[in-house]
Amino acid sequence: MKWVELPRDHRDGQGRPTHAEARKKLPIPAGGYREVTEDLTARIKAGEYGPGDRLPTYRELSDLYQVSVTTVQRAVIILQDRGLIVGLQGRGLWVAERRE
């Protein structure tokens, strides 16, 4: 698996790290939808994206992982099926609230 180093960004308005800031903790894998799915799953479980946090757009994720938007869409469908994220058409993607 090839790892990609990306430049640093800033924190969001609530002091949480942006996606670019979170990248510093785990390297970004380059690959297909399985790698994108597993990486986002790991970041959610590690708390880099907490419940209710907004995820980057499809375009931002495709740029980040160096894959097509279609590949990101496949990964998002799997994450939605697993109950990890929710999406609202035209509004974005969010980490799902945890159900205990």
N, C-alpha and C. Protein backbone atom coordinates (compact mmCIF):
# COMPACT_ATOMS: atom_id res chain seq x y z
N MET A 1 0.85 -1.18 0.00
CA MET A 1 0.00 0.00 0.00
C MET A 1 0.89 1.24 0.00
N LYS A 2 0.57 2.21 -0.81
CA LYS A 2 1.32 3.45 -0.92
C LYS A 2 0.70 4.49 0.02
N TRP A 3 1.54 5.21 0.77
CA TRP A 3 1.05 6.24 1.69
C TRP A 3 1.33 7.62 1.12
N VAL A 4 0.41 8.53 1.35
CA VAL A 4 0.49 9.87 0.78
C VAL A 4 0.60 10.88 1.91
N GLU A 5 1.59 11.75 1.87
CA GLU A 5 1.71 12.85 2.83
C GLU A 5 1.06 14.09 2.22
N LEU A 6 0.19 14.72 2.97
CA LEU A 6 -0.51 15.90 2.48
C LEU A 6 -0.23 17.10 3.38
N PRO A 7 -0.38 18.32 2.87
CA PRO A 7 -0.09 19.51 3.67
C PRO A 7 -1.07 19.71 4.82
N ARG A 8 -0.62 20.49 5.81
CA ARG A 8 -1.41 20.77 7.00
C ARG A 8 -2.43 21.88 6.73
N ASP A 9 -3.60 21.76 7.31
CA ASP A 9 -4.63 22.81 7.23
C ASP A 9 -4.79 23.46 8.60
N HIS A 10 -6.01 23.80 8.98
CA HIS A 10 -6.29 24.47 10.24
C HIS A 10 -7.41 23.75 10.99
N ARG A 11 -7.80 24.30 12.12
CA ARG A 11 -8.89 23.72 12.89
C ARG A 11 -10.20 24.40 12.51
N ASP A 12 -11.31 23.67 12.74
CA ASP A 12 -12.61 24.24 12.41
C ASP A 12 -13.02 25.27 13.46
N GLY A 13 -14.16 25.88 13.29
CA GLY A 13 -14.63 26.92 14.19
C GLY A 13 -14.88 26.46 15.61
N GLN A 14 -14.99 25.15 15.84
CA GLN A 14 -15.24 24.64 17.19
C GLN A 14 -13.99 24.06 17.82
N GLY A 15 -12.83 24.30 17.22
CA GLY A 15 -11.58 23.85 17.79
C GLY A 15 -11.22 22.40 17.48
N ARG A 16 -12.09 21.71 16.74
CA ARG A 16 -11.78 20.32 16.37
C ARG A 16 -10.86 20.34 15.17
N PRO A 17 -10.00 19.31 15.05
CA PRO A 17 -9.11 19.30 13.89
C PRO A 17 -9.89 19.10 12.60
N THR A 18 -9.47 19.81 11.57
CA THR A 18 -10.05 19.58 10.25
C THR A 18 -9.51 18.26 9.74
N HIS A 19 -10.01 17.82 8.59
CA HIS A 19 -9.55 16.55 8.04
C HIS A 19 -8.04 16.59 7.82
N ALA A 20 -7.53 17.70 7.36
CA ALA A 20 -6.09 17.81 7.10
C ALA A 20 -5.30 17.68 8.40
N GLU A 21 -5.81 18.25 9.47
CA GLU A 21 -5.14 18.14 10.78
C GLU A 21 -5.18 16.70 11.26
N ALA A 22 -6.29 16.02 11.05
CA ALA A 22 -6.42 14.63 11.47
C ALA A 22 -5.48 13.72 10.68
N ARG A 23 -5.15 14.09 9.46
CA ARG A 23 -4.27 13.28 8.61
C ARG A 23 -2.91 13.09 9.24
N LYS A 24 -2.50 14.03 10.08
CA LYS A 24 -1.19 13.92 10.68
C LYS A 24 -1.10 12.71 11.61
N LYS A 25 -2.22 12.26 12.14
CA LYS A 25 -2.21 11.15 13.07
C LYS A 25 -2.12 9.81 12.35
N LEU A 26 -2.81 9.65 11.25
CA LEU A 26 -2.78 8.42 10.47
C LEU A 26 -2.44 8.77 9.03
N PRO A 27 -1.54 8.04 8.39
CA PRO A 27 -1.25 8.33 6.98
C PRO A 27 -2.45 7.98 6.11
N ILE A 28 -2.54 8.63 4.96
CA ILE A 28 -3.64 8.41 4.04
C ILE A 28 -3.25 7.33 3.04
N PRO A 29 -4.01 6.24 2.98
CA PRO A 29 -3.67 5.22 1.99
C PRO A 29 -4.17 5.61 0.61
N ALA A 30 -3.42 5.23 -0.40
CA ALA A 30 -3.87 5.41 -1.77
C ALA A 30 -4.36 4.05 -2.25
N GLY A 31 -5.49 4.01 -2.89
CA GLY A 31 -5.99 2.72 -3.36
C GLY A 31 -7.43 2.81 -3.78
N GLY A 32 -8.13 1.72 -3.61
CA GLY A 32 -9.51 1.62 -4.04
C GLY A 32 -10.50 1.88 -2.92
N TYR A 33 -11.76 1.57 -3.18
CA TYR A 33 -12.82 1.87 -2.24
C TYR A 33 -12.65 1.13 -0.92
N ARG A 34 -12.07 -0.07 -0.94
CA ARG A 34 -11.87 -0.81 0.31
C ARG A 34 -10.91 -0.07 1.24
N GLU A 35 -9.84 0.45 0.67
CA GLU A 35 -8.87 1.20 1.46
C GLU A 35 -9.49 2.48 2.02
N VAL A 36 -10.28 3.17 1.19
CA VAL A 36 -10.96 4.39 1.66
C VAL A 36 -11.93 4.04 2.78
N THR A 37 -12.70 2.97 2.59
CA THR A 37 -13.66 2.54 3.60
C THR A 37 -12.97 2.21 4.91
N GLU A 38 -11.92 1.41 4.85
CA GLU A 38 -11.23 0.99 6.07
C GLU A 38 -10.53 2.16 6.75
N ASP A 39 -9.96 3.08 5.97
CA ASP A 39 -9.30 4.24 6.57
C ASP A 39 -10.30 5.14 7.27
N LEU A 40 -11.41 5.45 6.62
CA LEU A 40 -12.42 6.30 7.26
C LEU A 40 -13.01 5.61 8.49
N THR A 41 -13.21 4.29 8.41
CA THR A 41 -13.69 3.54 9.57
C THR A 41 -12.72 3.68 10.74
N ALA A 42 -11.43 3.52 10.46
CA ALA A 42 -10.40 3.63 11.50
C ALA A 42 -10.39 5.03 12.11
N ARG A 43 -10.53 6.05 11.28
CA ARG A 43 -10.52 7.43 11.78
C ARG A 43 -11.75 7.72 12.65
N ILE A 44 -12.89 7.17 12.26
CA ILE A 44 -14.10 7.36 13.06
C ILE A 44 -13.96 6.64 14.40
N LYS A 45 -13.49 5.40 14.37
CA LYS A 45 -13.34 4.62 15.61
C LYS A 45 -12.26 5.19 16.51
N ALA A 46 -11.24 5.84 15.93
CA ALA A 46 -10.17 6.46 16.72
C ALA A 46 -10.60 7.80 17.31
N GLY A 47 -11.77 8.29 16.89
CA GLY A 47 -12.28 9.56 17.42
C GLY A 47 -11.83 10.78 16.66
N GLU A 48 -11.13 10.61 15.55
CA GLU A 48 -10.73 11.78 14.77
C GLU A 48 -11.95 12.48 14.20
N TYR A 49 -12.98 11.70 13.92
CA TYR A 49 -14.29 12.24 13.56
C TYR A 49 -15.26 11.70 14.59
N GLY A 50 -15.82 12.59 15.37
CA GLY A 50 -16.75 12.17 16.40
C GLY A 50 -18.19 12.20 15.91
N PRO A 51 -19.09 11.65 16.70
CA PRO A 51 -20.51 11.67 16.34
C PRO A 51 -20.97 13.10 16.04
N GLY A 52 -21.62 13.26 14.90
CA GLY A 52 -22.13 14.58 14.50
C GLY A 52 -21.14 15.42 13.73
N ASP A 53 -19.88 14.99 13.62
CA ASP A 53 -18.90 15.75 12.85
C ASP A 53 -19.19 15.61 11.36
N ARG A 54 -19.01 16.71 10.66
CA ARG A 54 -19.20 16.68 9.21
C ARG A 54 -17.93 16.17 8.54
N LEU A 55 -18.11 15.31 7.57
CA LEU A 55 -16.98 14.78 6.80
C LEU A 55 -16.71 15.68 5.60
N PRO A 56 -15.52 15.58 5.02
CA PRO A 56 -15.24 16.34 3.80
C PRO A 56 -16.19 15.93 2.67
N THR A 57 -16.30 16.78 1.67
CA THR A 57 -17.16 16.50 0.52
C THR A 57 -16.59 15.34 -0.29
N TYR A 58 -17.40 14.80 -1.20
CA TYR A 58 -16.93 13.75 -2.08
C TYR A 58 -15.68 14.20 -2.83
N ARG A 59 -15.69 15.39 -3.36
CA ARG A 59 -14.55 15.91 -4.12
C ARG A 59 -13.32 16.02 -3.23
N GLU A 60 -13.48 16.54 -2.02
CA GLU A 60 -12.34 16.64 -1.10
C GLU A 60 -11.79 15.26 -0.75
N LEU A 61 -12.68 14.30 -0.51
CA LEU A 61 -12.23 12.95 -0.20
C LEU A 61 -11.52 12.31 -1.40
N SER A 62 -12.04 12.55 -2.61
CA SER A 62 -11.39 11.98 -3.79
C SER A 62 -10.00 12.59 -3.99
N ASP A 63 -9.85 13.87 -3.73
CA ASP A 63 -8.54 14.51 -3.81
C ASP A 63 -7.60 13.98 -2.72
N LEU A 64 -8.13 13.84 -1.53
CA LEU A 64 -7.35 13.37 -0.39
C LEU A 64 -6.81 11.96 -0.63
N TYR A 65 -7.67 11.06 -1.08
CA TYR A 65 -7.28 9.66 -1.27
C TYR A 65 -6.74 9.39 -2.68
N GLN A 66 -6.74 10.39 -3.52
CA GLN A 66 -6.27 10.27 -4.89
C GLN A 66 -7.00 9.16 -5.64
N VAL A 67 -8.33 9.19 -5.52
CA VAL A 67 -9.21 8.24 -6.21
C VAL A 67 -10.32 9.03 -6.88
N SER A 68 -11.15 8.37 -7.66
CA SER A 68 -12.26 9.05 -8.33
C SER A 68 -13.41 9.28 -7.34
N VAL A 69 -14.29 10.18 -7.70
CA VAL A 69 -15.48 10.44 -6.89
C VAL A 69 -16.33 9.17 -6.81
N THR A 70 -16.38 8.40 -7.89
CA THR A 70 -17.14 7.15 -7.89
C THR A 70 -16.61 6.18 -6.85
N THR A 71 -15.29 6.11 -6.69
CA THR A 71 -14.68 5.26 -5.67
C THR A 71 -15.09 5.72 -4.28
N VAL A 72 -15.08 7.03 -4.05
CA VAL A 72 -15.52 7.58 -2.76
C VAL A 72 -16.99 7.24 -2.53
N GLN A 73 -17.81 7.36 -3.56
CA GLN A 73 -19.23 7.05 -3.41
C GLN A 73 -19.44 5.59 -2.99
N ARG A 74 -18.66 4.68 -3.56
CA ARG A 74 -18.75 3.27 -3.16
C ARG A 74 -18.40 3.10 -1.69
N ALA A 75 -17.34 3.77 -1.26
CA ALA A 75 -16.92 3.68 0.15
C ALA A 75 -18.01 4.26 1.07
N VAL A 76 -18.60 5.38 0.68
CA VAL A 76 -19.64 6.01 1.49
C VAL A 76 -20.86 5.10 1.62
N ILE A 77 -21.24 4.43 0.55
CA ILE A 77 -22.38 3.51 0.61
C ILE A 77 -22.12 2.42 1.65
N ILE A 78 -20.91 1.88 1.65
CA ILE A 78 -20.57 0.84 2.63
C ILE A 78 -20.62 1.40 4.05
N LEU A 79 -20.07 2.59 4.26
CA LEU A 79 -20.08 3.20 5.59
C LEU A 79 -21.51 3.50 6.05
N GLN A 80 -22.37 3.90 5.13
CA GLN A 80 -23.77 4.13 5.48
C GLN A 80 -24.45 2.82 5.84
N ASP A 81 -24.17 1.76 5.08
CA ASP A 81 -24.75 0.45 5.38
C ASP A 81 -24.29 -0.06 6.74
N ARG A 82 -23.07 0.27 7.12
CA ARG A 82 -22.54 -0.13 8.44
C ARG A 82 -23.06 0.76 9.56
N GLY A 83 -23.76 1.82 9.21
CA GLY A 83 -24.30 2.73 10.22
C GLY A 83 -23.29 3.69 10.80
N LEU A 84 -22.15 3.86 10.14
CA LEU A 84 -21.12 4.76 10.66
C LEU A 84 -21.32 6.21 10.25
N ILE A 85 -21.89 6.43 9.07
CA ILE A 85 -22.13 7.80 8.61
C ILE A 85 -23.54 7.93 8.07
N VAL A 86 -24.01 9.16 8.03
CA VAL A 86 -25.29 9.47 7.42
C VAL A 86 -25.06 10.61 6.43
N GLY A 87 -25.85 10.62 5.38
CA GLY A 87 -25.73 11.67 4.38
C GLY A 87 -27.08 12.24 4.03
N LEU A 88 -27.09 13.52 3.76
CA LEU A 88 -28.29 14.21 3.30
C LEU A 88 -27.96 14.82 1.95
N GLN A 89 -28.72 14.46 0.94
CA GLN A 89 -28.44 14.93 -0.41
C GLN A 89 -28.36 16.45 -0.45
N GLY A 90 -27.28 16.93 -1.00
CA GLY A 90 -27.07 18.37 -1.11
C GLY A 90 -26.61 19.04 0.17
N ARG A 91 -26.52 18.30 1.27
CA ARG A 91 -26.12 18.88 2.55
C ARG A 91 -24.77 18.38 3.04
N GLY A 92 -24.44 17.12 2.79
CA GLY A 92 -23.15 16.60 3.21
C GLY A 92 -23.25 15.27 3.92
N LEU A 93 -22.10 14.86 4.46
CA LEU A 93 -21.96 13.60 5.17
C LEU A 93 -21.56 13.88 6.61
N TRP A 94 -22.14 13.13 7.54
CA TRP A 94 -21.82 13.28 8.95
C TRP A 94 -21.58 11.92 9.58
N VAL A 95 -20.78 11.92 10.65
CA VAL A 95 -20.60 10.70 11.44
C VAL A 95 -21.89 10.48 12.20
N ALA A 96 -22.38 9.24 12.16
CA ALA A 96 -23.63 8.91 12.83
C ALA A 96 -23.47 8.97 14.35
N GLU A 97 -24.55 9.29 15.02
CA GLU A 97 -24.57 9.24 16.49
C GLU A 97 -24.45 7.78 16.89
N ARG A 98 -23.67 7.53 17.91
CA ARG A 98 -23.47 6.14 18.34
C ARG A 98 -24.68 5.63 19.08
N ARG A 99 -25.05 4.41 18.75
CA ARG A 99 -26.16 3.76 19.44
C ARG A 99 -25.60 2.71 20.37
N GLU A 100 -25.84 2.87 21.63
CA GLU A 100 -25.32 1.93 22.63
C GLU A 100 -26.41 1.00 23.07
